[in-house]
Amino acid sequence: MTTSLSTLEGAAIMNNTFCLGIFLALVYCKNLAWEFTAETVSIIAIQLMLGFSVIFRRQQKLMDGLIVLSYYPMAMGIVAVLEALGWD
């Protein structure tokens, strides 16, 4: 289970990084307006938290899974707070 969860967490981080890179290239090549600062900061923050969770744990437990599950609503909260502060 630990290996499976670690593999899934690594795949999620790789997928988010790859998609973000493609998105940034598209914005640059098509000269689109950049209005995604809050979302990008949220993605990077959640990836760092997830990465640290995987690096510093040798064994994944149910509580770790629940913490990882809470990252999605946390990401939405980060975006809401940053947009309320004026980040586009």
PDB file of N, CA and C in Angstrom:
ATOM      1  N   MET A   1       0.827  -1.188   0.000  1.00  0.00           N
ATOM      2  CA  MET A   1       0.000   0.000   0.000  1.00  0.00           C
ATOM      3  C   MET A   1       0.869   1.249   0.000  1.00  0.00           C
ATOM      4  N   THR A   2       1.944   1.221   0.767  1.00  0.00           N
ATOM      5  CA  THR A   2       2.828   2.381   0.825  1.00  0.00           C
ATOM      6  C   THR A   2       3.425   2.678  -0.541  1.00  0.00           C
ATOM      7  N   THR A   3       3.868   1.642  -1.232  1.00  0.00           N
ATOM      8  CA  THR A   3       4.450   1.826  -2.556  1.00  0.00           C
ATOM      9  C   THR A   3       3.407   2.352  -3.537  1.00  0.00           C
ATOM     10  N   SER A   4       2.209   1.833  -3.471  1.00  0.00           N
ATOM     11  CA  SER A   4       1.144   2.286  -4.369  1.00  0.00           C
ATOM     12  C   SER A   4       0.802   3.749  -4.132  1.00  0.00           C
ATOM     13  N   LEU A   5       0.656   4.136  -2.870  1.00  0.00           N
ATOM     14  CA  LEU A   5       0.316   5.522  -2.557  1.00  0.00           C
ATOM     15  C   LEU A   5       1.445   6.459  -2.956  1.00  0.00           C
ATOM     16  N   SER A   6       2.676   6.071  -2.703  1.00  0.00           N
ATOM     17  CA  SER A   6       3.818   6.902  -3.094  1.00  0.00           C
ATOM     18  C   SER A   6       3.891   7.055  -4.608  1.00  0.00           C
ATOM     19  N   THR A   7       3.606   5.976  -5.337  1.00  0.00           N
ATOM     20  CA  THR A   7       3.611   6.026  -6.798  1.00  0.00           C
ATOM     21  C   THR A   7       2.516   6.958  -7.303  1.00  0.00           C
ATOM     22  N   LEU A   8       1.325   6.856  -6.722  1.00  0.00           N
ATOM     23  CA  LEU A   8       0.223   7.726  -7.131  1.00  0.00           C
ATOM     24  C   LEU A   8       0.516   9.197  -6.827  1.00  0.00           C
ATOM     25  N   GLU A   9       1.123   9.458  -5.678  1.00  0.00           N
ATOM     26  CA  GLU A   9       1.462  10.837  -5.334  1.00  0.00           C
ATOM     27  C   GLU A   9       2.509  11.388  -6.288  1.00  0.00           C
ATOM     28  N   GLY A  10       3.502  10.576  -6.626  1.00  0.00           N
ATOM     29  CA  GLY A  10       4.517  11.009  -7.591  1.00  0.00           C
ATOM     30  C   GLY A  10       3.921  11.258  -8.967  1.00  0.00           C
ATOM     31  N   ALA A  11       2.988  10.405  -9.385  1.00  0.00           N
ATOM     32  CA  ALA A  11       2.335  10.593 -10.684  1.00  0.00           C
ATOM     33  C   ALA A  11       1.506  11.872 -10.691  1.00  0.00           C
ATOM     34  N   ALA A  12       0.847  12.169  -9.592  1.00  0.00           N
ATOM     35  CA  ALA A  12       0.045  13.397  -9.518  1.00  0.00           C
ATOM     36  C   ALA A  12       0.933  14.632  -9.621  1.00  0.00           C
ATOM     37  N   ILE A  13       2.064  14.619  -8.937  1.00  0.00           N
ATOM     38  CA  ILE A  13       2.982  15.755  -8.998  1.00  0.00           C
ATOM     39  C   ILE A  13       3.541  15.906 -10.407  1.00  0.00           C
ATOM     40  N   MET A  14       3.946  14.796 -11.029  1.00  0.00           N
ATOM     41  CA  MET A  14       4.477  14.858 -12.395  1.00  0.00           C
ATOM     42  C   MET A  14       3.415  15.366 -13.372  1.00  0.00           C
ATOM     43  N   ASN A  15       2.190  14.882 -13.247  1.00  0.00           N
ATOM     44  CA  ASN A  15       1.125  15.292 -14.141  1.00  0.00           C
ATOM     45  C   ASN A  15       0.833  16.786 -14.000  1.00  0.00           C
ATOM     46  N   ASN A  16       0.736  17.279 -12.768  1.00  0.00           N
ATOM     47  CA  ASN A  16       0.474  18.699 -12.553  1.00  0.00           C
ATOM     48  C   ASN A  16       1.600  19.555 -13.108  1.00  0.00           C
ATOM     49  N   THR A  17       2.836  19.149 -12.897  1.00  0.00           N
ATOM     50  CA  THR A  17       3.979  19.912 -13.395  1.00  0.00           C
ATOM     51  C   THR A  17       4.004  19.923 -14.916  1.00  0.00           C
ATOM     52  N   PHE A  18       3.763  18.790 -15.541  1.00  0.00           N
ATOM     53  CA  PHE A  18       3.766  18.677 -16.998  1.00  0.00           C
ATOM     54  C   PHE A  18       2.651  19.536 -17.607  1.00  0.00           C
ATOM     55  N   CYS A  19       1.448  19.417 -17.057  1.00  0.00           N
ATOM     56  CA  CYS A  19       0.321  20.200 -17.584  1.00  0.00           C
ATOM     57  C   CYS A  19       0.537  21.700 -17.378  1.00  0.00           C
ATOM     58  N   LEU A  20       1.088  22.082 -16.245  1.00  0.00           N
ATOM     59  CA  LEU A  20       1.376  23.495 -15.997  1.00  0.00           C
ATOM     60  C   LEU A  20       2.410  24.017 -16.981  1.00  0.00           C
ATOM     61  N   GLY A  21       3.428  23.208 -17.292  1.00  0.00           N
ATOM     62  CA  GLY A  21       4.433  23.607 -18.274  1.00  0.00           C
ATOM     63  C   GLY A  21       3.838  23.795 -19.656  1.00  0.00           C
ATOM     64  N   ILE A  22       2.968  22.881 -20.062  1.00  0.00           N
ATOM     65  CA  ILE A  22       2.296  23.012 -21.365  1.00  0.00           C
ATOM     66  C   ILE A  22       1.424  24.264 -21.379  1.00  0.00           C
ATOM     67  N   PHE A  23       0.705  24.498 -20.288  1.00  0.00           N
ATOM     68  CA  PHE A  23      -0.155  25.667 -20.203  1.00  0.00           C
ATOM     69  C   PHE A  23       0.665  26.961 -20.287  1.00  0.00           C
ATOM     70  N   LEU A  24       1.790  27.010 -19.590  1.00  0.00           N
ATOM     71  CA  LEU A  24       2.633  28.202 -19.647  1.00  0.00           C
ATOM     72  C   LEU A  24       3.190  28.423 -21.052  1.00  0.00           C
ATOM     73  N   ALA A  25       3.583  27.352 -21.726  1.00  0.00           N
ATOM     74  CA  ALA A  25       4.073  27.470 -23.097  1.00  0.00           C
ATOM     75  C   ALA A  25       2.978  27.983 -24.026  1.00  0.00           C
ATOM     76  N   LEU A  26       1.757  27.504 -23.840  1.00  0.00           N
ATOM     77  CA  LEU A  26       0.630  27.959 -24.658  1.00  0.00           C
ATOM     78  C   LEU A  26       0.345  29.439 -24.440  1.00  0.00           C
ATOM     79  N   VAL A  27       0.354  29.869 -23.191  1.00  0.00           N
ATOM     80  CA  VAL A  27       0.119  31.281 -22.888  1.00  0.00           C
ATOM     81  C   VAL A  27       1.200  32.135 -23.536  1.00  0.00           C
ATOM     82  N   TYR A  28       2.434  31.684 -23.473  1.00  0.00           N
ATOM     83  CA  TYR A  28       3.548  32.446 -24.043  1.00  0.00           C
ATOM     84  C   TYR A  28       3.472  32.479 -25.570  1.00  0.00           C
ATOM     85  N   CYS A  29       3.251  31.334 -26.209  1.00  0.00           N
ATOM     86  CA  CYS A  29       3.255  31.258 -27.679  1.00  0.00           C
ATOM     87  C   CYS A  29       2.057  31.955 -28.307  1.00  0.00           C
ATOM     88  N   LYS A  30       0.920  31.934 -27.653  1.00  0.00           N
ATOM     89  CA  LYS A  30      -0.298  32.536 -28.208  1.00  0.00           C
ATOM     90  C   LYS A  30      -0.523  33.964 -27.722  1.00  0.00           C
ATOM     91  N   ASN A  31       0.405  34.491 -26.922  1.00  0.00           N
ATOM     92  CA  ASN A  31       0.303  35.846 -26.364  1.00  0.00           C
ATOM     93  C   ASN A  31      -1.019  36.072 -25.631  1.00  0.00           C
ATOM     94  N   LEU A  32      -1.405  35.115 -24.809  1.00  0.00           N
ATOM     95  CA  LEU A  32      -2.633  35.219 -24.029  1.00  0.00           C
ATOM     96  C   LEU A  32      -2.388  36.034 -22.763  1.00  0.00           C
ATOM     97  N   ALA A  33      -3.442  36.606 -22.235  1.00  0.00           N
ATOM     98  CA  ALA A  33      -3.323  37.358 -20.977  1.00  0.00           C
ATOM     99  C   ALA A  33      -3.155  36.368 -19.825  1.00  0.00           C
ATOM    100  N   TRP A  34      -2.226  36.685 -18.934  1.00  0.00           N
ATOM    101  CA  TRP A  34      -1.986  35.815 -17.786  1.00  0.00           C
ATOM    102  C   TRP A  34      -2.892  36.248 -16.645  1.00  0.00           C
ATOM    103  N   GLU A  35      -3.875  35.421 -16.322  1.00  0.00           N
ATOM    104  CA  GLU A  35      -4.807  35.711 -15.235  1.00  0.00           C
ATOM    105  C   GLU A  35      -4.957  34.506 -14.313  1.00  0.00           C
ATOM    106  N   PHE A  36      -3.863  33.812 -14.093  1.00  0.00           N
ATOM    107  CA  PHE A  36      -3.936  32.552 -13.345  1.00  0.00           C
ATOM    108  C   PHE A  36      -2.893  32.474 -12.232  1.00  0.00           C
ATOM    109  N   THR A  37      -2.531  33.604 -11.688  1.00  0.00           N
ATOM    110  CA  THR A  37      -1.505  33.613 -10.646  1.00  0.00           C
ATOM    111  C   THR A  37      -1.965  32.863  -9.398  1.00  0.00           C
ATOM    112  N   ALA A  38      -3.179  33.103  -8.956  1.00  0.00           N
ATOM    113  CA  ALA A  38      -3.685  32.450  -7.742  1.00  0.00           C
ATOM    114  C   ALA A  38      -3.747  30.933  -7.926  1.00  0.00           C
ATOM    115  N   GLU A  39      -4.202  30.493  -9.086  1.00  0.00           N
ATOM    116  CA  GLU A  39      -4.308  29.062  -9.349  1.00  0.00           C
ATOM    117  C   GLU A  39      -2.931  28.402  -9.403  1.00  0.00           C
ATOM    118  N   THR A  40      -1.985  29.091 -10.049  1.00  0.00           N
ATOM    119  CA  THR A  40      -0.625  28.554 -10.163  1.00  0.00           C
ATOM    120  C   THR A  40       0.045  28.456  -8.797  1.00  0.00           C
ATOM    121  N   VAL A  41      -0.105  29.481  -7.986  1.00  0.00           N
ATOM    122  CA  VAL A  41       0.467  29.460  -6.637  1.00  0.00           C
ATOM    123  C   VAL A  41      -0.159  28.329  -5.823  1.00  0.00           C
ATOM    124  N   SER A  42      -1.455  28.125  -5.980  1.00  0.00           N
ATOM    125  CA  SER A  42      -2.143  27.051  -5.267  1.00  0.00           C
ATOM    126  C   SER A  42      -1.611  25.683  -5.685  1.00  0.00           C
ATOM    127  N   ILE A  43      -1.446  25.464  -6.983  1.00  0.00           N
ATOM    128  CA  ILE A  43      -0.927  24.183  -7.475  1.00  0.00           C
ATOM    129  C   ILE A  43       0.468  23.926  -6.933  1.00  0.00           C
ATOM    130  N   ILE A  44       1.328  24.923  -6.995  1.00  0.00           N
ATOM    131  CA  ILE A  44       2.710  24.746  -6.543  1.00  0.00           C
ATOM    132  C   ILE A  44       2.752  24.503  -5.031  1.00  0.00           C
ATOM    133  N   ALA A  45       1.931  25.214  -4.275  1.00  0.00           N
ATOM    134  CA  ALA A  45       1.900  25.018  -2.818  1.00  0.00           C
ATOM    135  C   ALA A  45       1.452  23.604  -2.462  1.00  0.00           C
ATOM    136  N   ILE A  46       0.407  23.115  -3.121  1.00  0.00           N
ATOM    137  CA  ILE A  46      -0.089  21.771  -2.839  1.00  0.00           C
ATOM    138  C   ILE A  46       0.943  20.728  -3.262  1.00  0.00           C
ATOM    139  N   GLN A  47       1.620  20.951  -4.385  1.00  0.00           N
ATOM    140  CA  GLN A  47       2.657  20.012  -4.824  1.00  0.00           C
ATOM    141  C   GLN A  47       3.800  19.949  -3.819  1.00  0.00           C
ATOM    142  N   LEU A  48       4.206  21.085  -3.297  1.00  0.00           N
ATOM    143  CA  LEU A  48       5.272  21.087  -2.292  1.00  0.00           C
ATOM    144  C   LEU A  48       4.840  20.349  -1.028  1.00  0.00           C
ATOM    145  N   MET A  49       3.615  20.588  -0.589  1.00  0.00           N
ATOM    146  CA  MET A  49       3.120  19.900   0.604  1.00  0.00           C
ATOM    147  C   MET A  49       3.049  18.395   0.373  1.00  0.00           C
ATOM    148  N   LEU A  50       2.576  17.997  -0.794  1.00  0.00           N
ATOM    149  CA  LEU A  50       2.491  16.583  -1.122  1.00  0.00           C
ATOM    150  C   LEU A  50       3.879  15.966  -1.239  1.00  0.00           C
ATOM    151  N   GLY A  51       4.799  16.693  -1.855  1.00  0.00           N
ATOM    152  CA  GLY A  51       6.170  16.204  -1.998  1.00  0.00           C
ATOM    153  C   GLY A  51       6.843  16.002  -0.652  1.00  0.00           C
ATOM    154  N   PHE A  52       6.680  16.963   0.255  1.00  0.00           N
ATOM    155  CA  PHE A  52       7.271  16.823   1.580  1.00  0.00           C
ATOM    156  C   PHE A  52       6.625  15.671   2.343  1.00  0.00           C
ATOM    157  N   SER A  53       5.343  15.472   2.140  1.00  0.00           N
ATOM    158  CA  SER A  53       4.650  14.361   2.784  1.00  0.00           C
ATOM    159  C   SER A  53       5.242  13.024   2.354  1.00  0.00           C
ATOM    160  N   VAL A  54       5.565  12.898   1.078  1.00  0.00           N
ATOM    161  CA  VAL A  54       6.115  11.646   0.553  1.00  0.00           C
ATOM    162  C   VAL A  54       7.567  11.469   0.971  1.00  0.00           C
ATOM    163  N   ILE A  55       8.337  12.540   0.928  1.00  0.00           N
ATOM    164  CA  ILE A  55       9.772  12.452   1.226  1.00  0.00           C
ATOM    165  C   ILE A  55      10.031  12.070   2.684  1.00  0.00           C
ATOM    166  N   PHE A  56       9.285  12.659   3.601  1.00  0.00           N
ATOM    167  CA  PHE A  56       9.591  12.476   5.019  1.00  0.00           C
ATOM    168  C   PHE A  56       8.832  11.326   5.682  1.00  0.00           C
ATOM    169  N   ARG A  57       8.040  10.585   4.948  1.00  0.00           N
ATOM    170  CA  ARG A  57       7.321   9.438   5.510  1.00  0.00           C
ATOM    171  C   ARG A  57       7.815   8.151   4.881  1.00  0.00           C
ATOM    172  N   ARG A  58       8.209   7.224   5.693  1.00  0.00           N
ATOM    173  CA  ARG A  58       8.612   5.916   5.176  1.00  0.00           C
ATOM    174  C   ARG A  58       7.400   5.015   4.989  1.00  0.00           C
ATOM    175  N   GLN A  59       6.412   5.231   5.825  1.00  0.00           N
ATOM    176  CA  GLN A  59       5.226   4.390   5.788  1.00  0.00           C
ATOM    177  C   GLN A  59       3.995   5.300   5.752  1.00  0.00           C
ATOM    178  N   GLN A  60       3.105   5.028   4.810  1.00  0.00           N
ATOM    179  CA  GLN A  60       1.885   5.818   4.684  1.00  0.00           C
ATOM    180  C   GLN A  60       0.780   5.161   5.512  1.00  0.00           C
ATOM    181  N   LYS A  61       0.094   5.958   6.280  1.00  0.00           N
ATOM    182  CA  LYS A  61      -0.995   5.443   7.120  1.00  0.00           C
ATOM    183  C   LYS A  61      -2.310   6.081   6.678  1.00  0.00           C
ATOM    184  N   LEU A  62      -3.386   5.639   7.260  1.00  0.00           N
ATOM    185  CA  LEU A  62      -4.706   6.161   6.906  1.00  0.00           C
ATOM    186  C   LEU A  62      -4.776   7.663   7.127  1.00  0.00           C
ATOM    187  N   MET A  63      -4.195   8.136   8.191  1.00  0.00           N
ATOM    188  CA  MET A  63      -4.214   9.574   8.475  1.00  0.00           C
ATOM    189  C   MET A  63      -3.502  10.354   7.378  1.00  0.00           C
ATOM    190  N   ASP A  64      -2.398   9.811   6.852  1.00  0.00           N
ATOM    191  CA  ASP A  64      -1.692  10.462   5.758  1.00  0.00           C
ATOM    192  C   ASP A  64      -2.585  10.556   4.521  1.00  0.00           C
ATOM    193  N   GLY A  65      -3.340   9.502   4.262  1.00  0.00           N
ATOM    194  CA  GLY A  65      -4.269   9.518   3.139  1.00  0.00           C
ATOM    195  C   GLY A  65      -5.361  10.560   3.318  1.00  0.00           C
ATOM    196  N   LEU A  66      -5.860  10.705   4.537  1.00  0.00           N
ATOM    197  CA  LEU A  66      -6.884  11.713   4.805  1.00  0.00           C
ATOM    198  C   LEU A  66      -6.322  13.127   4.668  1.00  0.00           C
ATOM    199  N   ILE A  67      -5.075  13.304   5.061  1.00  0.00           N
ATOM    200  CA  ILE A  67      -4.432  14.607   4.900  1.00  0.00           C
ATOM    201  C   ILE A  67      -4.285  14.935   3.413  1.00  0.00           C
ATOM    202  N   VAL A  68      -3.839  13.952   2.630  1.00  0.00           N
ATOM    203  CA  VAL A  68      -3.710  14.156   1.185  1.00  0.00           C
ATOM    204  C   VAL A  68      -5.073  14.455   0.571  1.00  0.00           C
ATOM    205  N   LEU A  69      -6.100  13.788   1.045  1.00  0.00           N
ATOM    206  CA  LEU A  69      -7.451  14.024   0.547  1.00  0.00           C
ATOM    207  C   LEU A  69      -7.918  15.447   0.855  1.00  0.00           C
ATOM    208  N   SER A  70      -7.454  15.990   1.953  1.00  0.00           N
ATOM    209  CA  SER A  70      -7.847  17.355   2.330  1.00  0.00           C
ATOM    210  C   SER A  70      -7.135  18.425   1.503  1.00  0.00           C
ATOM    211  N   TYR A  71      -6.154  18.038   0.712  1.00  0.00           N
ATOM    212  CA  TYR A  71      -5.423  19.026  -0.090  1.00  0.00           C
ATOM    213  C   TYR A  71      -6.297  19.670  -1.164  1.00  0.00           C
ATOM    214  N   TYR A  72      -7.272  18.934  -1.710  1.00  0.00           N
ATOM    215  CA  TYR A  72      -8.127  19.518  -2.745  1.00  0.00           C
ATOM    216  C   TYR A  72      -8.947  20.702  -2.215  1.00  0.00           C
ATOM    217  N   PRO A  73      -9.699  20.524  -1.113  1.00  0.00           N
ATOM    218  CA  PRO A  73     -10.420  21.700  -0.602  1.00  0.00           C
ATOM    219  C   PRO A  73      -9.467  22.803  -0.135  1.00  0.00           C
ATOM    220  N   MET A  74      -8.284  22.400   0.336  1.00  0.00           N
ATOM    221  CA  MET A  74      -7.296  23.391   0.747  1.00  0.00           C
ATOM    222  C   MET A  74      -6.841  24.221  -0.461  1.00  0.00           C
ATOM    223  N   ALA A  75      -6.672  23.569  -1.598  1.00  0.00           N
ATOM    224  CA  ALA A  75      -6.275  24.279  -2.822  1.00  0.00           C
ATOM    225  C   ALA A  75      -7.347  25.281  -3.223  1.00  0.00           C
ATOM    226  N   MET A  76      -8.603  24.874  -3.131  1.00  0.00           N
ATOM    227  CA  MET A  76      -9.701  25.797  -3.452  1.00  0.00           C
ATOM    228  C   MET A  76      -9.704  26.983  -2.486  1.00  0.00           C
ATOM    229  N   GLY A  77      -9.419  26.718  -1.228  1.00  0.00           N
ATOM    230  CA  GLY A  77      -9.355  27.792  -0.240  1.00  0.00           C
ATOM    231  C   GLY A  77      -8.212  28.756  -0.515  1.00  0.00           C
ATOM    232  N   ILE A  78      -7.065  28.221  -0.909  1.00  0.00           N
ATOM    233  CA  ILE A  78      -5.918  29.075  -1.238  1.00  0.00           C
ATOM    234  C   ILE A  78      -6.271  29.985  -2.407  1.00  0.00           C
ATOM    235  N   VAL A  79      -6.903  29.427  -3.436  1.00  0.00           N
ATOM    236  CA  VAL A  79      -7.305  30.234  -4.597  1.00  0.00           C
ATOM    237  C   VAL A  79      -8.288  31.315  -4.170  1.00  0.00           C
ATOM    238  N   ALA A  80      -9.271  30.970  -3.352  1.00  0.00           N
ATOM    239  CA  ALA A  80     -10.273  31.952  -2.906  1.00  0.00           C
ATOM    240  C   ALA A  80      -9.624  33.084  -2.121  1.00  0.00           C
ATOM    241  N   VAL A  81      -8.692  32.743  -1.227  1.00  0.00           N
ATOM    242  CA  VAL A  81      -8.027  33.761  -0.427  1.00  0.00           C
ATOM    243  C   VAL A  81      -7.165  34.666  -1.295  1.00  0.00           C
ATOM    244  N   LEU A  82      -6.394  34.066  -2.201  1.00  0.00           N
ATOM    245  CA  LEU A  82      -5.521  34.861  -3.058  1.00  0.00           C
ATOM    246  C   LEU A  82      -6.319  35.776  -3.987  1.00  0.00           C
ATOM    247  N   GLU A  83      -7.434  35.274  -4.524  1.00  0.00           N
ATOM    248  CA  GLU A  83      -8.268  36.126  -5.382  1.00  0.00           C
ATOM    249  C   GLU A  83      -8.935  37.234  -4.573  1.00  0.00           C
ATOM    250  N   ALA A  84      -9.280  36.966  -3.322  1.00  0.00           N
ATOM    251  CA  ALA A  84      -9.847  38.016  -2.459  1.00  0.00           C
ATOM    252  C   ALA A  84      -8.807  39.090  -2.151  1.00  0.00           C
ATOM    253  N   LEU A  85      -7.532  38.684  -2.143  1.00  0.00           N
ATOM    254  CA  LEU A  85      -6.456  39.648  -1.902  1.00  0.00           C
ATOM    255  C   LEU A  85      -6.062  40.428  -3.149  1.00  0.00           C
ATOM    256  N   GLY A  86      -6.693  40.094  -4.277  1.00  0.00           N
ATOM    257  CA  GLY A  86      -6.441  40.848  -5.500  1.00  0.00           C
ATOM    258  C   GLY A  86      -5.544  40.168  -6.516  1.00  0.00           C
ATOM    259  N   TRP A  87      -5.124  38.952  -6.232  1.00  0.00           N
ATOM    260  CA  TRP A  87      -4.312  38.224  -7.234  1.00  0.00           C
ATOM    261  C   TRP A  87      -5.244  37.759  -8.331  1.00  0.00           C
ATOM    262  N   ASP A  88      -4.812  37.886  -9.577  1.00  0.00           N
ATOM    263  CA  ASP A  88      -5.680  37.460 -10.669  1.00  0.00           C
ATOM    264  C   ASP A  88      -5.540  35.996 -10.963  1.00  0.00           C
TER     265      ASP A  88
END
